[in-house]
Amino acid sequence: MAMGMSGGGGRGRRRGRGGRGPMAEINVTPLVDVMLVLLIIFMVTAPLLKAAVPIELPESRAKAMSEEQGQITITLRRDGAVFYEADELASGELAERLAATPTGPDGKPPLVTLRADKALDYGRVMEVMGELNRAGFTSISLVTDVSGG
């Protein structure tokens, strides 16, 4: 009888590369590497998706609000420029853009988040808020940075 017992020393089971049984170990290292790369990508890009216009927000101790679907963001930059989402608006164009904003399924206008630079004049912020009110947007959230204190 010819049996393949090379280097096994007469043992009944062989382990390693030459073994005949299925390998029961799963190498998860490549999976972990891919998941870590994806995690880093999402951590870097997630803040960039929402804050398209860089401004310095005032600080507040208020708790964070949850985001709603269909809300719009109005941003006021330090130099007074107005942005509807990420699009810069010309002087007087805000009223037209607000009038073209579709209402929600319940017939109400969407929630507006107002981001204004902390160095901006209070009167300029109030002008934009007045324009929002005149266009029928009564639900306005003011965005701030959360302070550590």
Protein backbone atom coordinates (compact mmCIF):
# COMPACT_ATOMS: atom_id res chain seq x y z
CA MET A 1 0.00 0.00 0.00
CA ALA A 2 1.36 3.35 -0.96
CA MET A 3 0.53 6.21 1.39
CA GLY A 4 1.82 9.72 1.25
CA MET A 5 3.56 10.17 4.60
CA SER A 6 6.28 12.58 3.68
CA GLY A 7 7.64 14.26 6.78
CA GLY A 8 4.52 13.55 8.80
CA GLY A 9 6.17 11.03 11.07
CA GLY A 10 3.21 8.68 10.87
CA ARG A 11 0.55 10.98 12.25
CA GLY A 12 -3.01 10.54 10.98
CA ARG A 13 -3.75 14.27 10.25
CA ARG A 14 -1.59 16.74 8.45
CA ARG A 15 -1.94 20.47 8.90
CA GLY A 16 -0.65 23.31 6.80
CA ARG A 17 -0.49 23.77 3.06
CA GLY A 18 -0.39 20.12 2.16
CA GLY A 19 -3.46 19.21 4.24
CA ARG A 20 -6.46 17.74 2.56
CA GLY A 21 -9.12 19.29 4.83
CA PRO A 22 -10.75 22.65 4.14
CA MET A 23 -9.18 25.72 5.70
CA ALA A 24 -11.42 26.99 8.49
CA GLU A 25 -9.67 30.32 9.07
CA ILE A 26 -10.82 33.62 7.54
CA ASN A 27 -8.35 36.39 6.97
CA VAL A 28 -10.17 39.63 7.94
CA THR A 29 -7.18 41.94 7.59
CA PRO A 30 -8.08 43.13 4.05
CA LEU A 31 -11.67 43.76 5.15
CA VAL A 32 -10.51 45.83 8.13
CA ASP A 33 -8.15 47.82 5.89
CA VAL A 34 -10.93 48.65 3.44
CA MET A 35 -13.34 49.61 6.22
CA LEU A 36 -10.79 51.94 7.85
CA VAL A 37 -10.12 53.66 4.53
CA LEU A 38 -13.86 54.15 3.97
CA LEU A 39 -14.29 55.48 7.51
CA ILE A 40 -11.55 58.05 6.99
CA ILE A 41 -13.03 59.14 3.65
CA PHE A 42 -16.49 59.64 5.19
CA MET A 43 -15.08 61.46 8.22
CA VAL A 44 -13.24 63.93 5.98
CA THR A 45 -15.99 64.53 3.42
CA ALA A 46 -19.07 64.65 5.70
CA PRO A 47 -18.38 68.13 7.15
CA LEU A 48 -17.60 69.48 3.69
CA LEU A 49 -20.98 68.45 2.29
CA LYS A 50 -23.06 70.67 4.58
CA ALA A 51 -20.92 73.76 5.08
CA ALA A 52 -20.18 74.80 1.52
CA VAL A 53 -19.49 78.46 2.38
CA PRO A 54 -16.73 78.91 4.98
CA ILE A 55 -17.70 81.44 7.67
CA GLU A 56 -16.81 82.00 11.32
CA LEU A 57 -19.96 81.28 13.32
CA PRO A 58 -20.65 82.83 16.73
CA GLU A 59 -20.43 80.50 19.72
CA SER A 60 -23.38 79.43 21.86
CA ARG A 61 -24.15 77.01 24.67
CA ALA A 62 -27.41 75.91 23.04
CA LYS A 63 -27.91 72.21 22.37
CA ALA A 64 -27.65 70.91 18.83
CA MET A 65 -30.85 70.61 16.77
CA SER A 66 -31.65 67.68 14.55
CA GLU A 67 -31.55 68.14 10.79
CA GLU A 68 -34.79 67.91 8.86
CA GLN A 69 -35.31 66.73 5.32
CA GLY A 70 -35.96 69.45 2.78
CA GLN A 71 -34.52 72.32 4.79
CA ILE A 72 -32.68 75.13 3.03
CA THR A 73 -29.57 76.96 4.17
CA ILE A 74 -29.01 80.71 3.80
CA THR A 75 -25.44 81.85 4.52
CA LEU A 76 -24.23 85.41 5.12
CA ARG A 77 -20.50 85.86 4.64
CA ARG A 78 -18.40 88.47 6.48
CA ASP A 79 -18.38 90.78 3.44
CA GLY A 80 -22.21 90.70 3.31
CA ALA A 81 -22.55 88.25 0.41
CA VAL A 82 -25.69 86.09 0.58
CA PHE A 83 -25.68 82.40 -0.40
CA TYR A 84 -28.70 80.18 -1.07
CA GLU A 85 -27.29 76.73 -0.26
CA ALA A 86 -23.89 77.00 -2.05
CA ASP A 87 -24.97 79.50 -4.75
CA GLU A 88 -23.96 83.13 -4.30
CA LEU A 89 -26.85 85.52 -4.94
CA ALA A 90 -26.68 88.96 -6.48
CA SER A 91 -28.18 91.94 -4.66
CA GLY A 92 -31.99 91.61 -4.63
CA GLU A 93 -31.98 88.04 -5.95
CA LEU A 94 -32.87 86.48 -2.58
CA ALA A 95 -36.57 87.35 -2.85
CA GLU A 96 -36.84 85.72 -6.29
CA ARG A 97 -35.03 82.58 -5.12
CA LEU A 98 -37.24 82.31 -2.01
CA ALA A 99 -40.38 82.70 -4.11
CA ALA A 100 -39.22 79.82 -6.35
CA THR A 101 -38.63 77.50 -3.37
CA PRO A 102 -41.15 74.64 -3.43
CA THR A 103 -43.32 73.99 -0.37
CA GLY A 104 -43.36 70.71 1.50
CA PRO A 105 -45.97 67.96 1.08
CA ASP A 106 -48.04 69.56 3.85
CA GLY A 107 -48.13 72.91 2.03
CA LYS A 108 -45.80 74.64 4.49
CA PRO A 109 -42.50 76.22 3.46
CA PRO A 110 -39.37 74.29 4.48
CA LEU A 111 -37.29 75.06 7.56
CA VAL A 112 -34.60 77.69 6.94
CA THR A 113 -31.21 77.50 8.63
CA LEU A 114 -29.50 80.88 8.71
CA ARG A 115 -25.71 80.86 9.00
CA ALA A 116 -24.20 84.31 9.55
CA ASP A 117 -20.58 85.26 10.21
CA LYS A 118 -20.06 86.57 13.74
CA ALA A 119 -18.33 89.73 12.49
CA LEU A 120 -21.35 90.66 10.37
CA ASP A 121 -23.50 93.67 11.28
CA TYR A 122 -26.70 92.75 13.14
CA GLY A 123 -28.71 95.01 10.80
CA ARG A 124 -27.65 92.97 7.77
CA VAL A 125 -28.78 89.74 9.45
CA MET A 126 -32.13 91.36 10.27
CA GLU A 127 -32.56 92.48 6.63
CA VAL A 128 -32.23 88.87 5.47
CA MET A 129 -34.55 87.64 8.22
CA GLY A 130 -37.12 90.27 7.18
CA GLU A 131 -36.86 89.09 3.57
CA LEU A 132 -37.41 85.50 4.73
CA ASN A 133 -40.45 86.53 6.78
CA ARG A 134 -41.93 88.51 3.89
CA ALA A 135 -41.54 85.44 1.64
CA GLY A 136 -43.51 83.36 4.15
CA PHE A 137 -40.67 81.52 5.87
CA THR A 138 -41.52 81.72 9.57
CA SER A 139 -39.52 78.73 10.80
CA ILE A 140 -35.92 79.98 10.89
CA SER A 141 -33.05 78.37 12.81
CA LEU A 142 -29.94 80.41 13.59
CA VAL A 143 -26.76 78.31 13.36
CA THR A 144 -23.94 78.74 15.90
CA ASP A 145 -20.83 76.86 16.95
CA VAL A 146 -21.18 74.96 20.20
CA SER A 147 -18.77 76.29 22.83
CA GLY A 148 -17.05 73.98 25.27
CA GLY A 149 -18.11 75.93 28.39
